[in-house]
C-alpha cells in the first residue's frame, strides 16, 4: 500500500497533467471558435446577444433615482408617491439634489 507522501506526490503529478491537458484543449477550442467566427463573419452580439441593460433600464428594475435629499438626515425621496414628513409643506427646491 502507498504511503501518504506517495499519494500526495501522485495527486500533484495528476493535477499538473490535468492542467496541461486543460490548456491544450482550451487552445484547440479557441482556435476552432476563432476560425468559425472568421468564416461566418460573426460579431460578439451574434454570439452573446444584446449588451447589458442600459442605466435607464437598470433604474426601472432597481427603483427610481432620488430627486430630493434631506440635508439633516440624508434621507432621499424620488418625488413619487406620498411626500415624506421632512419635505411636506416646505419648498421642494431647497431639497433638490444638484448633479
PDB file of N, CA and C in Angstrom:
ATOM      1  N   UNK A   1       0.850  -1.181   0.000  1.00  0.00           N
ATOM      2  CA  UNK A   1       0.000   0.000   0.000  1.00  0.00           C
ATOM      3  C   UNK A   1       0.897   1.246   0.000  1.00  0.00           C
ATOM      4  N   UNK A   2       0.468   2.288  -0.725  1.00  0.00           N
ATOM      5  CA  UNK A   2       1.238   3.517  -0.846  1.00  0.00           C
ATOM      6  C   UNK A   2       1.121   4.338   0.433  1.00  0.00           C
ATOM      7  N   UNK A   3       2.183   5.081   0.710  1.00  0.00           N
ATOM      8  CA  UNK A   3       2.166   5.949   1.878  1.00  0.00           C
ATOM      9  C   UNK A   3       1.467   7.258   1.531  1.00  0.00           C
ATOM     10  N   UNK A   4       1.187   8.025   2.568  1.00  0.00           N
ATOM     11  CA  UNK A   4       0.529   9.330   2.395  1.00  0.00           C
ATOM     12  C   UNK A   4       1.357  10.233   1.489  1.00  0.00           C
ATOM     13  N   UNK A   5       2.676  10.269   1.705  1.00  0.00           N
ATOM     14  CA  UNK A   5       3.549  11.136   0.891  1.00  0.00           C
ATOM     15  C   UNK A   5       3.519  10.713  -0.563  1.00  0.00           C
ATOM     16  N   UNK A   6       3.526   9.428  -0.810  1.00  0.00           N
ATOM     17  CA  UNK A   6       3.496   8.936  -2.185  1.00  0.00           C
ATOM     18  C   UNK A   6       2.177   9.319  -2.862  1.00  0.00           C
ATOM     19  N   UNK A   7       1.106   9.174  -2.128  1.00  0.00           N
ATOM     20  CA  UNK A   7      -0.194   9.549  -2.683  1.00  0.00           C
ATOM     21  C   UNK A   7      -0.263  11.044  -2.970  1.00  0.00           C
ATOM     22  N   UNK A   8       0.285  11.862  -2.088  1.00  0.00           N
ATOM     23  CA  UNK A   8       0.307  13.321  -2.307  1.00  0.00           C
ATOM     24  C   UNK A   8       1.117  13.651  -3.560  1.00  0.00           C
ATOM     25  N   UNK A   9       2.224  12.972  -3.769  1.00  0.00           N
ATOM     26  CA  UNK A   9       3.045  13.199  -4.965  1.00  0.00           C
ATOM     27  C   UNK A   9       2.275  12.795  -6.225  1.00  0.00           C
ATOM     28  N   UNK A  10       1.560  11.682  -6.142  1.00  0.00           N
ATOM     29  CA  UNK A  10       0.764  11.246  -7.286  1.00  0.00           C
ATOM     30  C   UNK A  10      -0.351  12.243  -7.592  1.00  0.00           C
ATOM     31  N   UNK A  11      -0.961  12.759  -6.539  1.00  0.00           N
ATOM     32  CA  UNK A  11      -2.019  13.773  -6.718  1.00  0.00           C
ATOM     33  C   UNK A  11      -1.456  15.003  -7.412  1.00  0.00           C
ATOM     34  N   UNK A  12      -0.309  15.480  -6.950  1.00  0.00           N
ATOM     35  CA  UNK A  12       0.310  16.667  -7.554  1.00  0.00           C
ATOM     36  C   UNK A  12       0.661  16.421  -9.014  1.00  0.00           C
ATOM     37  N   UNK A  13       1.186  15.235  -9.316  1.00  0.00           N
ATOM     38  CA  UNK A  13       1.541  14.901 -10.695  1.00  0.00           C
ATOM     39  C   UNK A  13       0.289  14.858 -11.567  1.00  0.00           C
ATOM     40  N   UNK A  14      -0.787  14.260 -11.061  1.00  0.00           N
ATOM     41  CA  UNK A  14      -2.034  14.201 -11.822  1.00  0.00           C
ATOM     42  C   UNK A  14      -2.647  15.581 -12.018  1.00  0.00           C
ATOM     43  N   UNK A  15      -2.580  16.418 -10.993  1.00  0.00           N
ATOM     44  CA  UNK A  15      -3.110  17.776 -11.132  1.00  0.00           C
ATOM     45  C   UNK A  15      -2.341  18.549 -12.193  1.00  0.00           C
ATOM     46  N   UNK A  16      -1.032  18.355 -12.235  1.00  0.00           N
ATOM     47  CA  UNK A  16      -0.220  19.036 -13.237  1.00  0.00           C
ATOM     48  C   UNK A  16      -0.585  18.532 -14.636  1.00  0.00           C
ATOM     49  N   UNK A  17      -0.741  17.226 -14.796  1.00  0.00           N
ATOM     50  CA  UNK A  17      -1.132  16.657 -16.090  1.00  0.00           C
ATOM     51  C   UNK A  17      -2.522  17.152 -16.493  1.00  0.00           C
ATOM     52  N   UNK A  18      -3.433  17.221 -15.547  1.00  0.00           N
ATOM     53  CA  UNK A  18      -4.787  17.696 -15.839  1.00  0.00           C
ATOM     54  C   UNK A  18      -4.764  19.148 -16.306  1.00  0.00           C
ATOM     55  N   UNK A  19      -3.960  19.983 -15.671  1.00  0.00           N
ATOM     56  CA  UNK A  19      -3.861  21.392 -16.073  1.00  0.00           C
ATOM     57  C   UNK A  19      -3.276  21.504 -17.470  1.00  0.00           C
ATOM     58  N   UNK A  20      -2.254  20.712 -17.767  1.00  0.00           N
ATOM     59  CA  UNK A  20      -1.654  20.729 -19.110  1.00  0.00           C
ATOM     60  C   UNK A  20      -2.680  20.298 -20.158  1.00  0.00           C
ATOM     61  N   UNK A  21      -3.472  19.269 -19.852  1.00  0.00           N
ATOM     62  CA  UNK A  21      -4.499  18.806 -20.784  1.00  0.00           C
ATOM     63  C   UNK A  21      -5.566  19.881 -20.983  1.00  0.00           C
ATOM     64  N   UNK A  22      -5.951  20.555 -19.906  1.00  0.00           N
ATOM     65  CA  UNK A  22      -6.957  21.623 -19.995  1.00  0.00           C
ATOM     66  C   UNK A  22      -6.469  22.747 -20.893  1.00  0.00           C
ATOM     67  N   UNK A  23      -5.201  23.154 -20.707  1.00  0.00           N
ATOM     68  CA  UNK A  23      -4.641  24.242 -21.514  1.00  0.00           C
ATOM     69  C   UNK A  23      -4.590  23.835 -22.981  1.00  0.00           C
ATOM     70  N   UNK A  24      -4.189  22.590 -23.251  1.00  0.00           N
ATOM     71  CA  UNK A  24      -4.117  22.113 -24.632  1.00  0.00           C
ATOM     72  C   UNK A  24      -5.502  22.091 -25.272  1.00  0.00           C
ATOM     73  N   UNK A  25      -6.503  21.609 -24.559  1.00  0.00           N
ATOM     74  CA  UNK A  25      -7.867  21.585 -25.082  1.00  0.00           C
ATOM     75  C   UNK A  25      -8.418  22.989 -25.259  1.00  0.00           C
ATOM     76  N   UNK A  26      -8.102  23.871 -24.334  1.00  0.00           N
ATOM     77  CA  UNK A  26      -8.565  25.246 -24.419  1.00  0.00           C
ATOM     78  C   UNK A  26      -8.018  25.922 -25.671  1.00  0.00           C
ATOM     79  N   UNK A  27      -6.747  25.699 -25.960  1.00  0.00           N
ATOM     80  CA  UNK A  27      -6.162  26.278 -27.178  1.00  0.00           C
ATOM     81  C   UNK A  27      -6.879  25.770 -28.423  1.00  0.00           C
ATOM     82  N   UNK A  28      -7.190  24.477 -28.449  1.00  0.00           N
ATOM     83  CA  UNK A  28      -7.874  23.901 -29.608  1.00  0.00           C
ATOM     84  C   UNK A  28      -9.287  24.471 -29.749  1.00  0.00           C
ATOM     85  N   UNK A  29      -9.996  24.608 -28.642  1.00  0.00           N
ATOM     86  CA  UNK A  29     -11.356  25.154 -28.676  1.00  0.00           C
ATOM     87  C   UNK A  29     -11.339  26.603 -29.150  1.00  0.00           C
ATOM     88  N   UNK A  30     -10.412  27.410 -28.613  1.00  0.00           N
ATOM     89  CA  UNK A  30     -10.335  28.816 -29.028  1.00  0.00           C
ATOM     90  C   UNK A  30      -9.989  28.940 -30.504  1.00  0.00           C
ATOM     91  N   UNK A  31      -9.096  28.114 -30.993  1.00  0.00           N
ATOM     92  CA  UNK A  31      -8.744  28.149 -32.412  1.00  0.00           C
ATOM     93  C   UNK A  31      -9.956  27.810 -33.272  1.00  0.00           C
ATOM     94  N   UNK A  32     -10.739  26.818 -32.854  1.00  0.00           N
ATOM     95  CA  UNK A  32     -11.944  26.439 -33.591  1.00  0.00           C
ATOM     96  C   UNK A  32     -12.967  27.572 -33.586  1.00  0.00           C
ATOM     97  N   UNK A  33     -13.161  28.190 -32.438  1.00  0.00           N
ATOM     98  CA  UNK A  33     -14.120  29.299 -32.334  1.00  0.00           C
ATOM     99  C   UNK A  33     -13.683  30.462 -33.212  1.00  0.00           C
ATOM    100  N   UNK A  34     -12.414  30.815 -33.133  1.00  0.00           N
ATOM    101  CA  UNK A  34     -11.912  31.936 -33.958  1.00  0.00           C
ATOM    102  C   UNK A  34     -12.087  31.655 -35.444  1.00  0.00           C
ATOM    103  N   UNK A  35     -11.834  30.431 -35.854  1.00  0.00           N
ATOM    104  CA  UNK A  35     -11.985  30.073 -37.261  1.00  0.00           C
ATOM    105  C   UNK A  35     -13.442  30.208 -37.695  1.00  0.00           C
ATOM    106  N   UNK A  36     -14.366  29.746 -36.861  1.00  0.00           N
ATOM    107  CA  UNK A  36     -15.788  29.829 -37.227  1.00  0.00           C
ATOM    108  C   UNK A  36     -16.288  31.268 -37.218  1.00  0.00           C
ATOM    109  N   UNK A  37     -15.796  32.074 -36.294  1.00  0.00           N
ATOM    110  CA  UNK A  37     -16.184  33.493 -36.269  1.00  0.00           C
ATOM    111  C   UNK A  37     -15.726  34.169 -37.549  1.00  0.00           C
ATOM    112  N   UNK A  38     -14.497  33.890 -37.960  1.00  0.00           N
ATOM    113  CA  UNK A  38     -13.978  34.486 -39.187  1.00  0.00           C
ATOM    114  C   UNK A  38     -14.722  33.946 -40.420  1.00  0.00           C
ATOM    115  N   UNK A  39     -14.994  32.649 -40.440  1.00  0.00           N
ATOM    116  CA  UNK A  39     -15.652  32.024 -41.587  1.00  0.00           C
ATOM    117  C   UNK A  39     -17.065  32.564 -41.800  1.00  0.00           C
ATOM    118  N   UNK A  40     -17.801  32.756 -40.722  1.00  0.00           N
ATOM    119  CA  UNK A  40     -19.193  33.191 -40.836  1.00  0.00           C
ATOM    120  C   UNK A  40     -19.382  34.686 -40.612  1.00  0.00           C
ATOM    121  N   UNK A  41     -18.321  35.406 -40.280  1.00  0.00           N
ATOM    122  CA  UNK A  41     -18.428  36.848 -40.067  1.00  0.00           C
ATOM    123  C   UNK A  41     -19.274  37.206 -38.859  1.00  0.00           C
ATOM    124  N   UNK A  42     -19.162  36.421 -37.805  1.00  0.00           N
ATOM    125  CA  UNK A  42     -19.959  36.650 -36.604  1.00  0.00           C
ATOM    126  C   UNK A  42     -19.424  37.811 -35.781  1.00  0.00           C
ATOM    127  N   UNK A  43     -20.329  38.472 -35.068  1.00  0.00           N
ATOM    128  CA  UNK A  43     -19.941  39.536 -34.148  1.00  0.00           C
ATOM    129  C   UNK A  43     -20.206  39.063 -32.725  1.00  0.00           C
ATOM    130  N   UNK A  44     -19.706  39.812 -31.755  1.00  0.00           N
ATOM    131  CA  UNK A  44     -19.947  39.444 -30.358  1.00  0.00           C
ATOM    132  C   UNK A  44     -21.442  39.495 -30.038  1.00  0.00           C
ATOM    133  N   UNK A  45     -22.175  40.387 -30.700  1.00  0.00           N
ATOM    134  CA  UNK A  45     -23.614  40.462 -30.465  1.00  0.00           C
ATOM    135  C   UNK A  45     -24.301  39.210 -31.003  1.00  0.00           C
ATOM    136  N   UNK A  46     -23.818  38.676 -32.124  1.00  0.00           N
ATOM    137  CA  UNK A  46     -24.378  37.438 -32.650  1.00  0.00           C
ATOM    138  C   UNK A  46     -24.178  36.296 -31.661  1.00  0.00           C
ATOM    139  N   UNK A  47     -23.043  36.279 -31.013  1.00  0.00           N
ATOM    140  CA  UNK A  47     -22.700  35.182 -30.114  1.00  0.00           C
ATOM    141  C   UNK A  47     -23.334  35.353 -28.741  1.00  0.00           C
ATOM    142  N   UNK A  48     -23.206  36.536 -28.162  1.00  0.00           N
ATOM    143  CA  UNK A  48     -23.630  36.745 -26.780  1.00  0.00           C
ATOM    144  C   UNK A  48     -24.978  37.433 -26.643  1.00  0.00           C
ATOM    145  N   UNK A  49     -25.587  37.857 -27.724  1.00  0.00           N
ATOM    146  CA  UNK A  49     -26.864  38.557 -27.638  1.00  0.00           C
ATOM    147  C   UNK A  49     -26.652  40.031 -27.384  1.00  0.00           C
ATOM    148  N   UNK A  50     -27.731  40.704 -27.016  1.00  0.00           N
ATOM    149  CA  UNK A  50     -27.631  42.152 -26.814  1.00  0.00           C
ATOM    150  C   UNK A  50     -26.804  42.465 -25.576  1.00  0.00           C
ATOM    151  N   UNK A  51     -26.330  43.681 -25.523  1.00  0.00           N
ATOM    152  CA  UNK A  51     -25.482  44.115 -24.414  1.00  0.00           C
ATOM    153  C   UNK A  51     -26.280  44.170 -23.120  1.00  0.00           C
ATOM    154  N   UNK A  52     -25.555  44.407 -22.044  1.00  0.00           N
ATOM    155  CA  UNK A  52     -26.207  44.525 -20.738  1.00  0.00           C
ATOM    156  C   UNK A  52     -27.186  45.685 -20.736  1.00  0.00           C
ATOM    157  N   UNK A  53     -28.104  45.660 -19.811  1.00  0.00           N
ATOM    158  CA  UNK A  53     -29.136  46.688 -19.720  1.00  0.00           C
ATOM    159  C   UNK A  53     -28.522  48.075 -19.553  1.00  0.00           C
ATOM    160  N   UNK A  54     -29.141  49.051 -20.162  1.00  0.00           N
ATOM    161  CA  UNK A  54     -28.675  50.421 -20.020  1.00  0.00           C
ATOM    162  C   UNK A  54     -28.996  50.931 -18.629  1.00  0.00           C
ATOM    163  N   UNK A  55     -28.435  52.056 -18.287  1.00  0.00           N
ATOM    164  CA  UNK A  55     -28.655  52.583 -16.938  1.00  0.00           C
ATOM    165  C   UNK A  55     -30.130  52.913 -16.698  1.00  0.00           C
ATOM    166  N   UNK A  56     -30.838  53.395 -17.728  1.00  0.00           N
ATOM    167  CA  UNK A  56     -32.251  53.717 -17.521  1.00  0.00           C
ATOM    168  C   UNK A  56     -33.063  52.442 -17.299  1.00  0.00           C
ATOM    169  N   UNK A  57     -32.724  51.389 -18.007  1.00  0.00           N
ATOM    170  CA  UNK A  57     -33.414  50.119 -17.787  1.00  0.00           C
ATOM    171  C   UNK A  57     -33.062  49.560 -16.419  1.00  0.00           C
ATOM    172  N   UNK A  58     -31.820  49.780 -16.016  1.00  0.00           N
ATOM    173  CA  UNK A  58     -31.388  49.327 -14.687  1.00  0.00           C
ATOM    174  C   UNK A  58     -32.164  50.078 -13.610  1.00  0.00           C
ATOM    175  N   UNK A  59     -32.371  51.380 -13.799  1.00  0.00           N
ATOM    176  CA  UNK A  59     -33.128  52.173 -12.831  1.00  0.00           C
ATOM    177  C   UNK A  59     -34.551  51.657 -12.703  1.00  0.00           C
ATOM    178  N   UNK A  60     -35.145  51.262 -13.815  1.00  0.00           N
ATOM    179  CA  UNK A  60     -36.514  50.755 -13.765  1.00  0.00           C
ATOM    180  C   UNK A  60     -36.598  49.505 -12.912  1.00  0.00           C
ATOM    181  N   UNK A  61     -35.556  48.679 -12.976  1.00  0.00           N
ATOM    182  CA  UNK A  61     -35.544  47.468 -12.157  1.00  0.00           C
ATOM    183  C   UNK A  61     -35.201  47.777 -10.711  1.00  0.00           C
ATOM    184  N   UNK A  62     -34.258  48.682 -10.497  1.00  0.00           N
ATOM    185  CA  UNK A  62     -33.768  48.967  -9.148  1.00  0.00           C
ATOM    186  C   UNK A  62     -34.602  49.993  -8.407  1.00  0.00           C
ATOM    187  N   UNK A  63     -35.429  50.728  -9.097  1.00  0.00           N
ATOM    188  CA  UNK A  63     -36.200  51.796  -8.485  1.00  0.00           C
ATOM    189  C   UNK A  63     -35.853  53.112  -9.148  1.00  0.00           C
ATOM    190  N   UNK A  64     -36.502  54.133  -8.724  1.00  0.00           N
ATOM    191  CA  UNK A  64     -36.334  55.450  -9.326  1.00  0.00           C
ATOM    192  C   UNK A  64     -35.210  56.195  -8.613  1.00  0.00           C
ATOM    193  N   UNK A  65     -34.477  56.987  -9.372  1.00  0.00           N
ATOM    194  CA  UNK A  65     -33.394  57.779  -8.813  1.00  0.00           C
ATOM    195  C   UNK A  65     -33.953  58.852  -7.878  1.00  0.00           C
ATOM    196  N   UNK A  66     -33.245  59.080  -6.791  1.00  0.00           N
ATOM    197  CA  UNK A  66     -33.671  60.090  -5.819  1.00  0.00           C
ATOM    198  C   UNK A  66     -33.579  61.479  -6.430  1.00  0.00           C
ATOM    199  N   UNK A  67     -34.559  62.301  -6.133  1.00  0.00           N
ATOM    200  CA  UNK A  67     -34.606  63.666  -6.658  1.00  0.00           C
ATOM    201  C   UNK A  67     -34.414  64.692  -5.538  1.00  0.00           C
ATOM    202  N   UNK A  68     -34.798  64.330  -4.320  1.00  0.00           N
ATOM    203  CA  UNK A  68     -34.723  65.228  -3.172  1.00  0.00           C
ATOM    204  C   UNK A  68     -33.938  64.556  -2.038  1.00  0.00           C
ATOM    205  N   UNK A  69     -33.189  65.376  -1.271  1.00  0.00           N
ATOM    206  CA  UNK A  69     -32.431  64.864  -0.128  1.00  0.00           C
ATOM    207  C   UNK A  69     -32.621  65.786   1.066  1.00  0.00           C
ATOM    208  N   UNK A  70     -32.838  65.199   2.228  1.00  0.00           N
ATOM    209  CA  UNK A  70     -32.933  65.940   3.480  1.00  0.00           C
ATOM    210  C   UNK A  70     -31.513  66.174   3.983  1.00  0.00           C
ATOM    211  N   UNK A  71     -31.060  67.443   4.054  1.00  0.00           N
ATOM    212  CA  UNK A  71     -29.689  67.697   4.492  1.00  0.00           C
ATOM    213  C   UNK A  71     -29.443  67.278   5.940  1.00  0.00           C
ATOM    214  N   UNK A  72     -30.453  67.273   6.762  1.00  0.00           N
ATOM    215  CA  UNK A  72     -30.277  66.927   8.178  1.00  0.00           C
ATOM    216  C   UNK A  72     -30.057  65.430   8.370  1.00  0.00           C
ATOM    217  N   UNK A  73     -30.875  64.620   7.738  1.00  0.00           N
ATOM    218  CA  UNK A  73     -30.789  63.178   7.966  1.00  0.00           C
ATOM    219  C   UNK A  73     -30.144  62.415   6.822  1.00  0.00           C
ATOM    220  N   UNK A  74     -30.078  63.021   5.636  1.00  0.00           N
ATOM    221  CA  UNK A  74     -29.545  62.337   4.463  1.00  0.00           C
ATOM    222  C   UNK A  74     -30.580  61.467   3.762  1.00  0.00           C
ATOM    223  N   UNK A  75     -31.806  61.458   4.256  1.00  0.00           N
ATOM    224  CA  UNK A  75     -32.869  60.666   3.639  1.00  0.00           C
ATOM    225  C   UNK A  75     -33.183  61.225   2.262  1.00  0.00           C
ATOM    226  N   UNK A  76     -33.577  60.345   1.344  1.00  0.00           N
ATOM    227  CA  UNK A  76     -33.886  60.776  -0.014  1.00  0.00           C
ATOM    228  C   UNK A  76     -35.318  60.408  -0.377  1.00  0.00           C
ATOM    229  N   UNK A  77     -35.804  61.067  -1.424  1.00  0.00           N
ATOM    230  CA  UNK A  77     -37.142  60.816  -1.938  1.00  0.00           C
ATOM    231  C   UNK A  77     -37.104  61.036  -3.442  1.00  0.00           C
ATOM    232  N   UNK A  78     -37.809  60.207  -4.176  1.00  0.00           N
ATOM    233  CA  UNK A  78     -37.803  60.275  -5.634  1.00  0.00           C
ATOM    234  C   UNK A  78     -38.754  61.328  -6.182  1.00  0.00           C
ATOM    235  N   UNK A  79     -39.667  61.809  -5.367  1.00  0.00           N
ATOM    236  CA  UNK A  79     -40.676  62.744  -5.850  1.00  0.00           C
ATOM    237  C   UNK A  79     -41.952  62.030  -6.241  1.00  0.00           C
ATOM    238  N   UNK A  80     -41.949  60.723  -6.108  1.00  0.00           N
ATOM    239  CA  UNK A  80     -43.138  59.934  -6.417  1.00  0.00           C
ATOM    240  C   UNK A  80     -43.782  59.446  -5.134  1.00  0.00           C
ATOM    241  N   UNK A  81     -45.059  59.308  -5.182  1.00  0.00           N
ATOM    242  CA  UNK A  81     -45.771  58.810  -4.011  1.00  0.00           C
ATOM    243  C   UNK A  81     -45.951  59.889  -2.958  1.00  0.00           C
ATOM    244  N   UNK A  82     -46.325  59.473  -1.785  1.00  0.00           N
ATOM    245  CA  UNK A  82     -46.589  60.395  -0.683  1.00  0.00           C
ATOM    246  C   UNK A  82     -45.293  61.057  -0.225  1.00  0.00           C
ATOM    247  N   UNK A  83     -45.346  62.370  -0.011  1.00  0.00           N
ATOM    248  CA  UNK A  83     -44.165  63.131   0.401  1.00  0.00           C
ATOM    249  C   UNK A  83     -43.782  62.769   1.834  1.00  0.00           C
ATOM    250  N   UNK A  84     -42.492  62.618   2.111  1.00  0.00           N
ATOM    251  CA  UNK A  84     -42.067  62.320   3.478  1.00  0.00           C
ATOM    252  C   UNK A  84     -42.265  63.530   4.388  1.00  0.00           C
ATOM    253  N   UNK A  85     -42.258  63.286   5.668  1.00  0.00           N
ATOM    254  CA  UNK A  85     -42.506  64.333   6.658  1.00  0.00           C
ATOM    255  C   UNK A  85     -41.495  65.466   6.545  1.00  0.00           C
ATOM    256  N   UNK A  86     -40.237  65.148   6.285  1.00  0.00           N
ATOM    257  CA  UNK A  86     -39.196  66.170   6.269  1.00  0.00           C
ATOM    258  C   UNK A  86     -39.338  67.162   5.124  1.00  0.00           C
ATOM    259  N   UNK A  87     -40.147  66.856   4.094  1.00  0.00           N
ATOM    260  CA  UNK A  87     -40.325  67.787   2.976  1.00  0.00           C
ATOM    261  C   UNK A  87     -41.760  68.314   2.899  1.00  0.00           C
ATOM    262  N   UNK A  88     -42.658  67.685   3.576  1.00  0.00           N
ATOM    263  CA  UNK A  88     -44.072  68.037   3.499  1.00  0.00           C
ATOM    264  C   UNK A  88     -44.302  69.488   3.947  1.00  0.00           C
ATOM    265  N   UNK A  89     -44.953  70.261   3.067  1.00  0.00           N
ATOM    266  CA  UNK A  89     -45.313  71.640   3.370  1.00  0.00           C
ATOM    267  C   UNK A  89     -44.162  72.630   3.217  1.00  0.00           C
ATOM    268  N   UNK A  90     -42.999  72.196   2.723  1.00  0.00           N
ATOM    269  CA  UNK A  90     -41.846  73.095   2.539  1.00  0.00           C
ATOM    270  C   UNK A  90     -41.574  73.259   1.047  1.00  0.00           C
ATOM    271  N   UNK A  91     -40.754  74.261   0.700  1.00  0.00           N
ATOM    272  CA  UNK A  91     -40.391  74.474  -0.689  1.00  0.00           C
ATOM    273  C   UNK A  91     -39.432  73.366  -1.123  1.00  0.00           C
ATOM    274  N   UNK A  92     -39.850  72.601  -2.093  1.00  0.00           N
ATOM    275  CA  UNK A  92     -39.082  71.439  -2.531  1.00  0.00           C
ATOM    276  C   UNK A  92     -37.771  71.811  -3.224  1.00  0.00           C
ATOM    277  N   UNK A  93     -37.697  73.011  -3.774  1.00  0.00           N
ATOM    278  CA  UNK A  93     -36.483  73.440  -4.463  1.00  0.00           C
ATOM    279  C   UNK A  93     -35.266  73.414  -3.528  1.00  0.00           C
ATOM    280  N   UNK A  94     -35.495  73.655  -2.251  1.00  0.00           N
ATOM    281  CA  UNK A  94     -34.399  73.663  -1.263  1.00  0.00           C
ATOM    282  C   UNK A  94     -33.790  72.278  -1.096  1.00  0.00           C
ATOM    283  N   UNK A  95     -34.554  71.254  -1.408  1.00  0.00           N
ATOM    284  CA  UNK A  95     -34.117  69.874  -1.176  1.00  0.00           C
ATOM    285  C   UNK A  95     -33.668  69.163  -2.454  1.00  0.00           C
ATOM    286  N   UNK A  96     -33.723  69.845  -3.595  1.00  0.00           N
ATOM    287  CA  UNK A  96     -33.332  69.229  -4.866  1.00  0.00           C
ATOM    288  C   UNK A  96     -31.877  68.763  -4.816  1.00  0.00           C
ATOM    289  N   UNK A  97     -31.643  67.590  -5.367  1.00  0.00           N
ATOM    290  CA  UNK A  97     -30.275  67.074  -5.479  1.00  0.00           C
ATOM    291  C   UNK A  97     -29.706  67.652  -6.748  1.00  0.00           C
ATOM    292  N   UNK A  98     -28.632  68.395  -6.630  1.00  0.00           N
ATOM    293  CA  UNK A  98     -27.993  69.012  -7.802  1.00  0.00           C
ATOM    294  C   UNK A  98     -26.899  68.073  -8.300  1.00  0.00           C
ATOM    295  N   UNK A  99     -26.941  67.790  -9.607  1.00  0.00           N
ATOM    296  CA  UNK A  99     -25.965  66.850 -10.180  1.00  0.00           C
ATOM    297  C   UNK A  99     -24.805  67.555 -10.781  1.00  0.00           C
TER     298      UNK A  99
END
